[in-house]
PDB file of N, CA and C in Angstrom:
ATOM      1  N   MET A   1      20.211   6.120  16.804  1.00  0.00           N
ATOM      2  CA  MET A   1      18.955   6.740  16.781  1.00  0.00           C
ATOM      3  C   MET A   1      18.712   8.019  16.355  1.00  0.00           C
ATOM      4  N   ALA A   2      18.017   8.248  15.085  1.00  0.00           N
ATOM      5  CA  ALA A   2      18.296   9.682  14.051  1.00  0.00           C
ATOM      6  C   ALA A   2      17.251  10.653  15.203  1.00  0.00           C
ATOM      7  N   GLN A   3      17.265  11.779  14.860  1.00  0.00           N
ATOM      8  CA  GLN A   3      16.734  13.180  15.024  1.00  0.00           C
ATOM      9  C   GLN A   3      16.018  13.742  14.110  1.00  0.00           C
ATOM     10  N   VAL A   4      15.045  13.911  13.741  1.00  0.00           N
ATOM     11  CA  VAL A   4      14.273  14.712  12.950  1.00  0.00           C
ATOM     12  C   VAL A   4      13.333  15.814  13.453  1.00  0.00           C
ATOM     13  N   THR A   5      13.279  16.818  12.591  1.00  0.00           N
ATOM     14  CA  THR A   5      12.771  18.028  12.941  1.00  0.00           C
ATOM     15  C   THR A   5      11.475  18.147  11.866  1.00  0.00           C
ATOM     16  N   LEU A   6      10.288  18.096  12.512  1.00  0.00           N
ATOM     17  CA  LEU A   6       9.210  18.134  11.658  1.00  0.00           C
ATOM     18  C   LEU A   6       8.581  19.517  11.817  1.00  0.00           C
ATOM     19  N   LYS A   7       7.967  19.739  10.589  1.00  0.00           N
ATOM     20  CA  LYS A   7       7.249  20.959  10.799  1.00  0.00           C
ATOM     21  C   LYS A   7       5.808  20.565  10.324  1.00  0.00           C
ATOM     22  N   VAL A   8       4.735  20.861  11.373  1.00  0.00           N
ATOM     23  CA  VAL A   8       3.356  20.342  11.387  1.00  0.00           C
ATOM     24  C   VAL A   8       2.510  21.427  11.604  1.00  0.00           C
ATOM     25  N   ASN A   9       1.603  21.781  10.903  1.00  0.00           N
ATOM     26  CA  ASN A   9       0.806  22.859  11.078  1.00  0.00           C
ATOM     27  C   ASN A   9       1.729  24.042  11.487  1.00  0.00           C
ATOM     28  N   GLY A  10       2.523  24.894  11.193  1.00  0.00           N
ATOM     29  CA  GLY A  10       3.147  25.504  11.870  1.00  0.00           C
ATOM     30  C   GLY A  10       3.887  25.646  12.498  1.00  0.00           C
ATOM     31  N   TYR A  11       4.149  24.257  13.452  1.00  0.00           N
ATOM     32  CA  TYR A  11       4.822  24.028  14.480  1.00  0.00           C
ATOM     33  C   TYR A  11       5.791  23.044  14.180  1.00  0.00           C
ATOM     34  N   TYR A  12       7.112  23.187  15.108  1.00  0.00           N
ATOM     35  CA  TYR A  12       8.340  22.337  14.517  1.00  0.00           C
ATOM     36  C   TYR A  12       8.205  21.322  16.161  1.00  0.00           C
ATOM     37  N   HIS A  13       8.667  20.179  15.552  1.00  0.00           N
ATOM     38  CA  HIS A  13       8.266  18.606  16.491  1.00  0.00           C
ATOM     39  C   HIS A  13       9.750  18.195  16.463  1.00  0.00           C
ATOM     40  N   THR A  14      10.462  17.786  17.035  1.00  0.00           N
ATOM     41  CA  THR A  14      11.992  16.789  17.240  1.00  0.00           C
ATOM     42  C   THR A  14      11.320  15.340  17.306  1.00  0.00           C
ATOM     43  N   VAL A  15      11.812  14.756  17.016  1.00  0.00           N
ATOM     44  CA  VAL A  15      10.994  13.542  16.909  1.00  0.00           C
ATOM     45  C   VAL A  15      12.418  12.246  16.383  1.00  0.00           C
ATOM     46  N   GLY A  16      12.771  11.458  17.191  1.00  0.00           N
ATOM     47  CA  GLY A  16      13.667  10.316  17.046  1.00  0.00           C
ATOM     48  C   GLY A  16      13.029   9.129  15.892  1.00  0.00           C
ATOM     49  N   CYS A  17      13.684   8.578  15.567  1.00  0.00           N
ATOM     50  CA  CYS A  17      13.734   7.451  14.546  1.00  0.00           C
ATOM     51  C   CYS A  17      14.735   6.706  14.533  1.00  0.00           C
ATOM     52  N   ALA A  18      14.751   5.396  13.733  1.00  0.00           N
ATOM     53  CA  ALA A  18      15.406   4.931  13.906  1.00  0.00           C
ATOM     54  C   ALA A  18      16.348   5.214  12.401  1.00  0.00           C
ATOM     55  N   ASP A  19      17.780   4.829  12.302  1.00  0.00           N
ATOM     56  CA  ASP A  19      18.555   5.540  11.342  1.00  0.00           C
ATOM     57  C   ASP A  19      18.152   4.835   9.848  1.00  0.00           C
ATOM     58  N   GLY A  20      18.191   6.107   9.315  1.00  0.00           N
ATOM     59  CA  GLY A  20      17.949   5.258   7.640  1.00  0.00           C
ATOM     60  C   GLY A  20      16.398   5.643   7.450  1.00  0.00           C
ATOM     61  N   GLN A  21      15.709   6.123   8.723  1.00  0.00           N
ATOM     62  CA  GLN A  21      14.129   6.149   8.455  1.00  0.00           C
ATOM     63  C   GLN A  21      13.601   7.842   8.343  1.00  0.00           C
ATOM     64  N   GLU A  22      14.670   8.514   8.300  1.00  0.00           N
ATOM     65  CA  GLU A  22      14.678   9.968   8.335  1.00  0.00           C
ATOM     66  C   GLU A  22      13.265  10.539   7.082  1.00  0.00           C
ATOM     67  N   GLU A  23      13.730   9.882   6.249  1.00  0.00           N
ATOM     68  CA  GLU A  23      12.976  10.217   4.771  1.00  0.00           C
ATOM     69  C   GLU A  23      11.702   9.842   4.834  1.00  0.00           C
ATOM     70  N   HIS A  24      11.765   8.579   5.306  1.00  0.00           N
ATOM     71  CA  HIS A  24      10.120   8.210   5.447  1.00  0.00           C
ATOM     72  C   HIS A  24       9.351   8.626   6.702  1.00  0.00           C
ATOM     73  N   LEU A  25       9.981   9.182   7.800  1.00  0.00           N
ATOM     74  CA  LEU A  25       9.101   9.880   8.535  1.00  0.00           C
ATOM     75  C   LEU A  25       8.943  11.130   8.162  1.00  0.00           C
ATOM     76  N   LYS A  26       9.721  11.779   7.420  1.00  0.00           N
ATOM     77  CA  LYS A  26       8.940  13.309   6.599  1.00  0.00           C
ATOM     78  C   LYS A  26       8.381  13.249   5.735  1.00  0.00           C
ATOM     79  N   ALA A  27       7.858  11.892   5.093  1.00  0.00           N
ATOM     80  CA  ALA A  27       6.752  11.621   3.987  1.00  0.00           C
ATOM     81  C   ALA A  27       5.560  11.747   4.816  1.00  0.00           C
ATOM     82  N   MET A  28       5.803  10.848   5.778  1.00  0.00           N
ATOM     83  CA  MET A  28       4.202  10.737   6.660  1.00  0.00           C
ATOM     84  C   MET A  28       3.894  12.262   7.531  1.00  0.00           C
ATOM     85  N   ALA A  29       4.693  12.529   7.767  1.00  0.00           N
ATOM     86  CA  ALA A  29       4.437  14.163   8.454  1.00  0.00           C
ATOM     87  C   ALA A  29       3.899  15.067   7.064  1.00  0.00           C
ATOM     88  N   ALA A  30       4.855  14.624   6.359  1.00  0.00           N
ATOM     89  CA  ALA A  30       3.732  15.390   5.234  1.00  0.00           C
ATOM     90  C   ALA A  30       2.250  14.971   4.813  1.00  0.00           C
ATOM     91  N   GLU A  31       1.918  13.680   4.932  1.00  0.00           N
ATOM     92  CA  GLU A  31       0.932  13.457   5.255  1.00  0.00           C
ATOM     93  C   GLU A  31      -0.344  13.836   5.965  1.00  0.00           C
ATOM     94  N   VAL A  32       0.359  13.756   7.123  1.00  0.00           N
ATOM     95  CA  VAL A  32      -0.556  14.548   8.261  1.00  0.00           C
ATOM     96  C   VAL A  32      -0.551  16.215   7.604  1.00  0.00           C
ATOM     97  N   GLU A  33       0.265  16.625   7.542  1.00  0.00           N
ATOM     98  CA  GLU A  33      -0.010  17.936   6.917  1.00  0.00           C
ATOM     99  C   GLU A  33      -1.198  18.091   5.843  1.00  0.00           C
ATOM    100  N   ARG A  34      -1.336  17.463   4.982  1.00  0.00           N
ATOM    101  CA  ARG A  34      -2.058  17.528   3.825  1.00  0.00           C
ATOM    102  C   ARG A  34      -3.328  17.203   4.568  1.00  0.00           C
ATOM    103  N   ARG A  35      -3.487  15.946   5.636  1.00  0.00           N
ATOM    104  CA  ARG A  35      -4.718  16.322   6.016  1.00  0.00           C
ATOM    105  C   ARG A  35      -5.353  17.412   6.799  1.00  0.00           C
ATOM    106  N   ILE A  36      -4.017  17.967   7.273  1.00  0.00           N
ATOM    107  CA  ILE A  36      -4.504  19.179   8.068  1.00  0.00           C
ATOM    108  C   ILE A  36      -5.196  20.453   7.422  1.00  0.00           C
ATOM    109  N   GLU A  37      -4.178  20.447   6.189  1.00  0.00           N
ATOM    110  CA  GLU A  37      -4.867  21.460   4.786  1.00  0.00           C
ATOM    111  C   GLU A  37      -6.358  20.852   4.415  1.00  0.00           C
ATOM    112  N   ARG A  38      -6.688  19.753   4.414  1.00  0.00           N
ATOM    113  CA  ARG A  38      -7.933  19.313   4.034  1.00  0.00           C
ATOM    114  C   ARG A  38      -9.210  19.604   4.881  1.00  0.00           C
ATOM    115  N   VAL A  39      -8.692  19.573   6.040  1.00  0.00           N
ATOM    116  CA  VAL A  39      -9.016  19.958   7.489  1.00  0.00           C
ATOM    117  C   VAL A  39      -9.653  21.545   7.838  1.00  0.00           C
ATOM    118  N   LYS A  40      -8.839  21.779   7.285  1.00  0.00           N
ATOM    119  CA  LYS A  40      -8.530  23.588   7.264  1.00  0.00           C
ATOM    120  C   LYS A  40      -9.963  24.013   5.911  1.00  0.00           C
ATOM    121  N   ALA A  41      -9.725  23.435   4.634  1.00  0.00           N
ATOM    122  CA  ALA A  41     -10.371  23.812   3.543  1.00  0.00           C
ATOM    123  C   ALA A  41     -11.974  23.533   4.023  1.00  0.00           C
ATOM    124  N   LEU A  42     -12.067  22.599   4.708  1.00  0.00           N
ATOM    125  CA  LEU A  42     -13.629  22.220   5.317  1.00  0.00           C
ATOM    126  C   LEU A  42     -13.797  23.253   6.168  1.00  0.00           C
ATOM    127  N   GLY A  43     -13.012  24.059   6.704  1.00  0.00           N
ATOM    128  CA  GLY A  43     -13.964  25.308   7.024  1.00  0.00           C
ATOM    129  C   GLY A  43     -13.720  25.372   9.016  1.00  0.00           C
ATOM    130  N   ALA A  44     -12.920  23.833   8.821  1.00  0.00           N
ATOM    131  CA  ALA A  44     -12.809  23.553  10.544  1.00  0.00           C
ATOM    132  C   ALA A  44     -12.023  24.756  11.176  1.00  0.00           C
ATOM    133  N   GLN A  45     -12.516  25.073  12.823  1.00  0.00           N
ATOM    134  CA  GLN A  45     -11.682  26.152  13.569  1.00  0.00           C
ATOM    135  C   GLN A  45     -11.173  25.392  14.669  1.00  0.00           C
ATOM    136  N   GLY A  46     -10.483  25.651  15.299  1.00  0.00           N
ATOM    137  CA  GLY A  46     -10.308  25.263  16.660  1.00  0.00           C
ATOM    138  C   GLY A  46      -8.326  25.294  16.712  1.00  0.00           C
ATOM    139  N   ASP A  47      -7.820  25.009  17.615  1.00  0.00           N
ATOM    140  CA  ASP A  47      -6.708  24.998  18.181  1.00  0.00           C
ATOM    141  C   ASP A  47      -5.721  23.630  17.494  1.00  0.00           C
ATOM    142  N   GLU A  48      -4.204  24.018  17.772  1.00  0.00           N
ATOM    143  CA  GLU A  48      -3.806  22.497  17.121  1.00  0.00           C
ATOM    144  C   GLU A  48      -3.940  21.596  17.325  1.00  0.00           C
ATOM    145  N   ALA A  49      -4.640  21.226  18.645  1.00  0.00           N
ATOM    146  CA  ALA A  49      -4.830  19.616  19.166  1.00  0.00           C
ATOM    147  C   ALA A  49      -5.910  19.134  18.376  1.00  0.00           C
ATOM    148  N   ARG A  50      -6.768  20.335  17.837  1.00  0.00           N
ATOM    149  CA  ARG A  50      -8.213  19.680  17.611  1.00  0.00           C
ATOM    150  C   ARG A  50      -8.035  19.606  16.016  1.00  0.00           C
ATOM    151  N   LEU A  51      -7.122  20.551  15.126  1.00  0.00           N
ATOM    152  CA  LEU A  51      -6.917  19.886  13.973  1.00  0.00           C
ATOM    153  C   LEU A  51      -6.259  18.790  13.851  1.00  0.00           C
ATOM    154  N   LEU A  52      -5.503  18.546  14.608  1.00  0.00           N
ATOM    155  CA  LEU A  52      -4.404  17.430  14.180  1.00  0.00           C
ATOM    156  C   LEU A  52      -5.537  15.738  14.685  1.00  0.00           C
ATOM    157  N   LEU A  53      -6.826  16.053  15.454  1.00  0.00           N
ATOM    158  CA  LEU A  53      -7.259  15.165  16.123  1.00  0.00           C
ATOM    159  C   LEU A  53      -8.484  15.199  14.543  1.00  0.00           C
ATOM    160  N   LEU A  54      -9.037  15.725  13.984  1.00  0.00           N
ATOM    161  CA  LEU A  54      -9.467  15.609  12.668  1.00  0.00           C
ATOM    162  C   LEU A  54      -8.828  15.022  11.585  1.00  0.00           C
ATOM    163  N   ALA A  55      -7.292  15.816  11.586  1.00  0.00           N
ATOM    164  CA  ALA A  55      -6.444  14.896  10.686  1.00  0.00           C
ATOM    165  C   ALA A  55      -6.221  13.776  10.682  1.00  0.00           C
ATOM    166  N   ALA A  56      -6.240  12.987  12.226  1.00  0.00           N
ATOM    167  CA  ALA A  56      -6.032  11.813  12.479  1.00  0.00           C
ATOM    168  C   ALA A  56      -7.384  11.022  12.390  1.00  0.00           C
ATOM    169  N   LEU A  57      -8.569  11.507  12.574  1.00  0.00           N
ATOM    170  CA  LEU A  57      -9.935  11.145  12.471  1.00  0.00           C
ATOM    171  C   LEU A  57     -10.071  10.572  10.685  1.00  0.00           C
ATOM    172  N   LEU A  58      -9.446  11.575   9.564  1.00  0.00           N
ATOM    173  CA  LEU A  58      -9.402  11.111   8.421  1.00  0.00           C
ATOM    174  C   LEU A  58      -8.468  10.476   8.045  1.00  0.00           C
ATOM    175  N   MET A  59      -7.139  10.183   8.564  1.00  0.00           N
ATOM    176  CA  MET A  59      -6.135   9.359   8.183  1.00  0.00           C
ATOM    177  C   MET A  59      -7.313   8.043   8.739  1.00  0.00           C
ATOM    178  N   ALA A  60      -7.864   7.527   9.719  1.00  0.00           N
ATOM    179  CA  ALA A  60      -8.354   6.760  10.190  1.00  0.00           C
ATOM    180  C   ALA A  60      -8.909   5.667   9.920  1.00  0.00           C
ATOM    181  N   ASP A  61     -10.423   6.569   9.077  1.00  0.00           N
ATOM    182  CA  ASP A  61     -10.729   6.955   8.052  1.00  0.00           C
ATOM    183  C   ASP A  61     -10.275   6.126   6.729  1.00  0.00           C
ATOM    184  N   GLU A  62      -9.400   7.055   6.378  1.00  0.00           N
ATOM    185  CA  GLU A  62      -8.967   6.174   5.145  1.00  0.00           C
ATOM    186  C   GLU A  62      -8.269   5.042   5.265  1.00  0.00           C
ATOM    187  N   LEU A  63      -7.995   4.530   6.774  1.00  0.00           N
ATOM    188  CA  LEU A  63      -7.286   3.530   6.899  1.00  0.00           C
ATOM    189  C   LEU A  63      -8.332   2.501   7.086  1.00  0.00           C
ATOM    190  N   HIS A  64      -9.229   2.540   7.552  1.00  0.00           N
ATOM    191  CA  HIS A  64     -10.729   1.968   7.780  1.00  0.00           C
ATOM    192  C   HIS A  64     -11.159   1.479   6.255  1.00  0.00           C
ATOM    193  N   ASP A  65     -10.686   2.344   5.272  1.00  0.00           N
ATOM    194  CA  ASP A  65     -11.732   2.098   4.075  1.00  0.00           C
ATOM    195  C   ASP A  65     -10.842   0.842   2.857  1.00  0.00           C
ATOM    196  N   LEU A  66      -9.415   1.295   3.153  1.00  0.00           N
ATOM    197  CA  LEU A  66      -8.426   0.557   3.267  1.00  0.00           C
ATOM    198  C   LEU A  66      -8.402  -0.985   3.367  1.00  0.00           C
ATOM    199  N   LYS A  67      -8.807  -1.152   4.735  1.00  0.00           N
ATOM    200  CA  LYS A  67      -8.488  -2.434   5.322  1.00  0.00           C
ATOM    201  C   LYS A  67     -10.323  -2.868   4.737  1.00  0.00           C
ATOM    202  N   LEU A  68     -11.257  -2.726   4.444  1.00  0.00           N
ATOM    203  CA  LEU A  68     -12.560  -2.804   4.159  1.00  0.00           C
ATOM    204  C   LEU A  68     -12.041  -3.662   2.716  1.00  0.00           C
ATOM    205  N   ALA A  69     -11.492  -2.713   1.463  1.00  0.00           N
ATOM    206  CA  ALA A  69     -11.219  -3.162   0.682  1.00  0.00           C
ATOM    207  C   ALA A  69     -10.743  -4.343   0.209  1.00  0.00           C
ATOM    208  N   MET A  70      -9.433  -4.167   0.829  1.00  0.00           N
ATOM    209  CA  MET A  70      -8.271  -5.407   1.105  1.00  0.00           C
ATOM    210  C   MET A  70      -9.195  -6.991   1.240  1.00  0.00           C
ATOM    211  N   SER A  71     -10.148  -7.044   2.495  1.00  0.00           N
ATOM    212  CA  SER A  71     -10.674  -7.885   2.939  1.00  0.00           C
ATOM    213  C   SER A  71     -12.057  -8.316   2.264  1.00  0.00           C
ATOM    214  N   ALA A  72     -12.628  -7.288   1.425  1.00  0.00           N
ATOM    215  CA  ALA A  72     -13.139  -8.133   0.492  1.00  0.00           C
ATOM    216  C   ALA A  72     -12.980  -9.121  -0.567  1.00  0.00           C
ATOM    217  N   SER A  73     -13.909 -10.265  -0.769  1.00  0.00           N
ATOM    218  CA  SER A  73     -13.046 -11.121  -1.874  1.00  0.00           C
ATOM    219  C   SER A  73     -13.283 -10.109  -3.391  1.00  0.00           C
ATOM    220  N   PRO A  74     -12.619 -10.971  -4.185  1.00  0.00           N
ATOM    221  CA  PRO A  74     -12.144 -10.240  -5.041  1.00  0.00           C
ATOM    222  C   PRO A  74     -13.177 -10.809  -6.350  1.00  0.00           C
ATOM    223  N   PRO A  75     -13.709 -10.388  -7.570  1.00  0.00           N
ATOM    224  CA  PRO A  75     -14.630 -10.747  -8.282  1.00  0.00           C
ATOM    225  C   PRO A  75     -14.134 -11.924  -9.083  1.00  0.00           C
ATOM    226  N   SER A  76     -15.771 -12.557  -9.327  1.00  0.00           N
ATOM    227  CA  SER A  76     -15.092 -13.652 -10.374  1.00  0.00           C
ATOM    228  C   SER A  76     -14.529 -13.752 -11.493  1.00  0.00           C
ATOM    229  N   PRO A  77     -13.573 -14.408 -11.954  1.00  0.00           N
ATOM    230  CA  PRO A  77     -13.473 -13.684 -13.433  1.00  0.00           C
ATOM    231  C   PRO A  77     -14.216 -14.054 -14.339  1.00  0.00           C
ATOM    232  N   SER A  78     -14.248 -13.159 -15.454  1.00  0.00           N
ATOM    233  CA  SER A  78     -15.714 -13.296 -16.185  1.00  0.00           C
ATOM    234  C   SER A  78     -14.825 -14.459 -17.110  1.00  0.00           C
ATOM    235  N   PRO A  79     -15.996 -15.105 -18.365  1.00  0.00           N
ATOM    236  CA  PRO A  79     -15.787 -16.268 -19.007  1.00  0.00           C
ATOM    237  C   PRO A  79     -14.452 -16.253 -19.535  1.00  0.00           C
ATOM    238  N   GLU A  80     -14.190 -15.229 -20.751  1.00  0.00           N
ATOM    239  CA  GLU A  80     -13.181 -14.947 -21.235  1.00  0.00           C
ATOM    240  C   GLU A  80     -12.173 -15.150 -20.205  1.00  0.00           C
ATOM    241  N   GLU A  81     -11.595 -14.824 -19.333  1.00  0.00           N
ATOM    242  CA  GLU A  81     -10.707 -14.953 -18.377  1.00  0.00           C
ATOM    243  C   GLU A  81     -10.416 -16.407 -17.841  1.00  0.00           C
ATOM    244  N   GLN A  82     -11.937 -17.014 -17.067  1.00  0.00           N
ATOM    245  CA  GLN A  82     -11.694 -18.331 -17.149  1.00  0.00           C
ATOM    246  C   GLN A  82     -10.796 -18.819 -18.586  1.00  0.00           C
ATOM    247  N   GLN A  83     -11.438 -18.800 -19.620  1.00  0.00           N
ATOM    248  CA  GLN A  83     -10.969 -19.088 -20.769  1.00  0.00           C
ATOM    249  C   GLN A  83      -9.467 -19.160 -21.064  1.00  0.00           C
ATOM    250  N   ARG A  84      -8.741 -17.936 -20.913  1.00  0.00           N
ATOM    251  CA  ARG A  84      -7.726 -17.653 -20.959  1.00  0.00           C
ATOM    252  C   ARG A  84      -6.778 -18.139 -19.952  1.00  0.00           C
ATOM    253  N   ARG A  85      -7.134 -18.406 -18.622  1.00  0.00           N
ATOM    254  CA  ARG A  85      -6.148 -18.895 -17.714  1.00  0.00           C
ATOM    255  C   ARG A  85      -6.248 -20.674 -17.862  1.00  0.00           C
ATOM    256  N   ALA A  86      -7.359 -21.272 -18.787  1.00  0.00           N
ATOM    257  CA  ALA A  86      -7.718 -22.546 -18.588  1.00  0.00           C
ATOM    258  C   ALA A  86      -6.330 -22.971 -20.309  1.00  0.00           C
ATOM    259  N   ALA A  87      -6.205 -22.160 -21.146  1.00  0.00           N
ATOM    260  CA  ALA A  87      -5.358 -22.137 -22.359  1.00  0.00           C
ATOM    261  C   ALA A  87      -4.272 -21.997 -21.928  1.00  0.00           C
ATOM    262  N   LEU A  88      -3.888 -21.405 -20.659  1.00  0.00           N
ATOM    263  CA  LEU A  88      -2.513 -20.980 -20.449  1.00  0.00           C
ATOM    264  C   LEU A  88      -2.036 -22.354 -19.668  1.00  0.00           C
ATOM    265  N   ALA A  89      -3.194 -22.929 -18.969  1.00  0.00           N
ATOM    266  CA  ALA A  89      -2.682 -23.845 -18.273  1.00  0.00           C
ATOM    267  C   ALA A  89      -2.394 -25.078 -19.002  1.00  0.00           C
ATOM    268  N   ALA A  90      -3.149 -25.296 -20.355  1.00  0.00           N
ATOM    269  CA  ALA A  90      -3.002 -26.663 -21.023  1.00  0.00           C
ATOM    270  C   ALA A  90      -1.434 -26.101 -21.922  1.00  0.00           C
ATOM    271  N   ARG A  91      -1.540 -24.990 -21.756  1.00  0.00           N
ATOM    272  CA  ARG A  91       0.358 -24.950 -22.702  1.00  0.00           C
ATOM    273  C   ARG A  91       1.514 -24.869 -21.804  1.00  0.00           C
ATOM    274  N   ILE A  92       1.378 -24.852 -20.644  1.00  0.00           N
ATOM    275  CA  ILE A  92       2.056 -25.076 -19.452  1.00  0.00           C
ATOM    276  C   ILE A  92       2.482 -26.402 -19.023  1.00  0.00           C
ATOM    277  N   ALA A  93       1.166 -27.350 -19.309  1.00  0.00           N
ATOM    278  CA  ALA A  93       0.914 -28.874 -19.685  1.00  0.00           C
ATOM    279  C   ALA A  93       1.773 -29.433 -20.352  1.00  0.00           C
ATOM    280  N   ARG A  94       1.629 -28.791 -21.282  1.00  0.00           N
ATOM    281  CA  ARG A  94       2.329 -29.475 -22.951  1.00  0.00           C
ATOM    282  C   ARG A  94       3.775 -29.201 -22.639  1.00  0.00           C
ATOM    283  N   LEU A  95       4.498 -28.195 -21.941  1.00  0.00           N
ATOM    284  CA  LEU A  95       5.738 -27.597 -21.822  1.00  0.00           C
ATOM    285  C   LEU A  95       6.336 -28.567 -20.999  1.00  0.00           C
ATOM    286  N   ALA A  96       5.452 -28.739 -19.957  1.00  0.00           N
ATOM    287  CA  ALA A  96       6.126 -29.415 -18.826  1.00  0.00           C
ATOM    288  C   ALA A  96       6.412 -30.721 -19.288  1.00  0.00           C
ATOM    289  N   ALA A  97       5.576 -31.586 -20.256  1.00  0.00           N
ATOM    290  CA  ALA A  97       5.278 -33.151 -20.862  1.00  0.00           C
ATOM    291  C   ALA A  97       6.216 -32.738 -21.788  1.00  0.00           C
ATOM    292  N   GLN A  98       6.558 -31.995 -22.720  1.00  0.00           N
ATOM    293  CA  GLN A  98       7.615 -32.142 -23.312  1.00  0.00           C
ATOM    294  C   GLN A  98       9.285 -31.998 -22.760  1.00  0.00           C
ATOM    295  N   ALA A  99       9.268 -30.764 -21.469  1.00  0.00           N
ATOM    296  CA  ALA A  99      10.719 -31.219 -21.007  1.00  0.00           C
ATOM    297  C   ALA A  99      10.840 -32.591 -20.290  1.00  0.00           C
ATOM    298  N   GLU A 100       9.919 -33.350 -19.445  1.00  0.00           N
ATOM    299  CA  GLU A 100       9.878 -34.620 -19.283  1.00  0.00           C
ATOM    300  C   GLU A 100      10.419 -35.695 -20.528  1.00  0.00           C
ATOM    301  N   ALA A 101       9.862 -35.442 -21.659  1.00  0.00           N
ATOM    302  CA  ALA A 101      10.478 -36.143 -22.871  1.00  0.00           C
ATOM    303  C   ALA A 101      11.919 -35.391 -22.741  1.00  0.00           C
ATOM    304  N   ILE A 102      12.332 -34.603 -22.952  1.00  0.00           N
ATOM    305  CA  ILE A 102      13.570 -34.111 -23.285  1.00  0.00           C
ATOM    306  C   ILE A 102      14.217 -34.859 -21.958  1.00  0.00           C
ATOM    307  N   ALA A 103      14.265 -34.784 -20.962  1.00  0.00           N
ATOM    308  CA  ALA A 103      14.686 -35.471 -19.785  1.00  0.00           C
ATOM    309  C   ALA A 103      14.992 -36.921 -19.983  1.00  0.00           C
ATOM    310  N   GLU A 104      13.856 -37.494 -20.269  1.00  0.00           N
ATOM    311  CA  GLU A 104      13.926 -38.612 -20.183  1.00  0.00           C
ATOM    312  C   GLU A 104      14.686 -39.186 -21.545  1.00  0.00           C
ATOM    313  N   HIS A 105      14.983 -38.417 -22.723  1.00  0.00           N
ATOM    314  CA  HIS A 105      16.028 -38.761 -23.813  1.00  0.00           C
ATOM    315  C   HIS A 105      17.475 -38.618 -23.161  1.00  0.00           C
ATOM    316  N   CYS A 106      17.269 -37.534 -22.628  1.00  0.00           N
ATOM    317  CA  CYS A 106      18.722 -36.938 -22.423  1.00  0.00           C
ATOM    318  C   CYS A 106      19.305 -38.375 -21.158  1.00  0.00           C
ATOM    319  N   GLU A 107      18.382 -38.856 -20.318  1.00  0.00           N
ATOM    320  CA  GLU A 107      18.995 -40.060 -19.620  1.00  0.00           C
ATOM    321  C   GLU A 107      19.133 -41.267 -20.494  1.00  0.00           C
ATOM    322  N   LYS A 108      18.602 -41.434 -21.400  1.00  0.00           N
ATOM    323  CA  LYS A 108      19.048 -42.795 -21.841  1.00  0.00           C
ATOM    324  C   LYS A 108      20.228 -42.506 -23.070  1.00  0.00           C
ATOM    325  N   ALA A 109      20.735 -41.416 -23.678  1.00  0.00           N
ATOM    326  CA  ALA A 109      21.681 -41.147 -24.264  1.00  0.00           C
ATOM    327  C   ALA A 109      23.113 -41.445 -23.443  1.00  0.00           C
TER     328      ALA A 109
END
């Protein structure tokens, strides 16, 4: 298990992680730091725990929005896109028929 020292909001924290995950963990700490800076830019005051809480709430809100976006059904394809897909399906069907004909010819030879 690797040990990584992270600096968040001016404080150093040593945490453990799986070997090879050190850079990922540092990147996640940088994300937290960005949220803390955003909270500070909005004028929030408080101790480290409050700033971390507000940063966590920002991240949770972003995660919530991403989950909603992922669960939304994709829009129906436009008529042009439907036509393009139908033409592509027809072309694939023709190619498959040609491949079958070639395979049949090879079997007879």
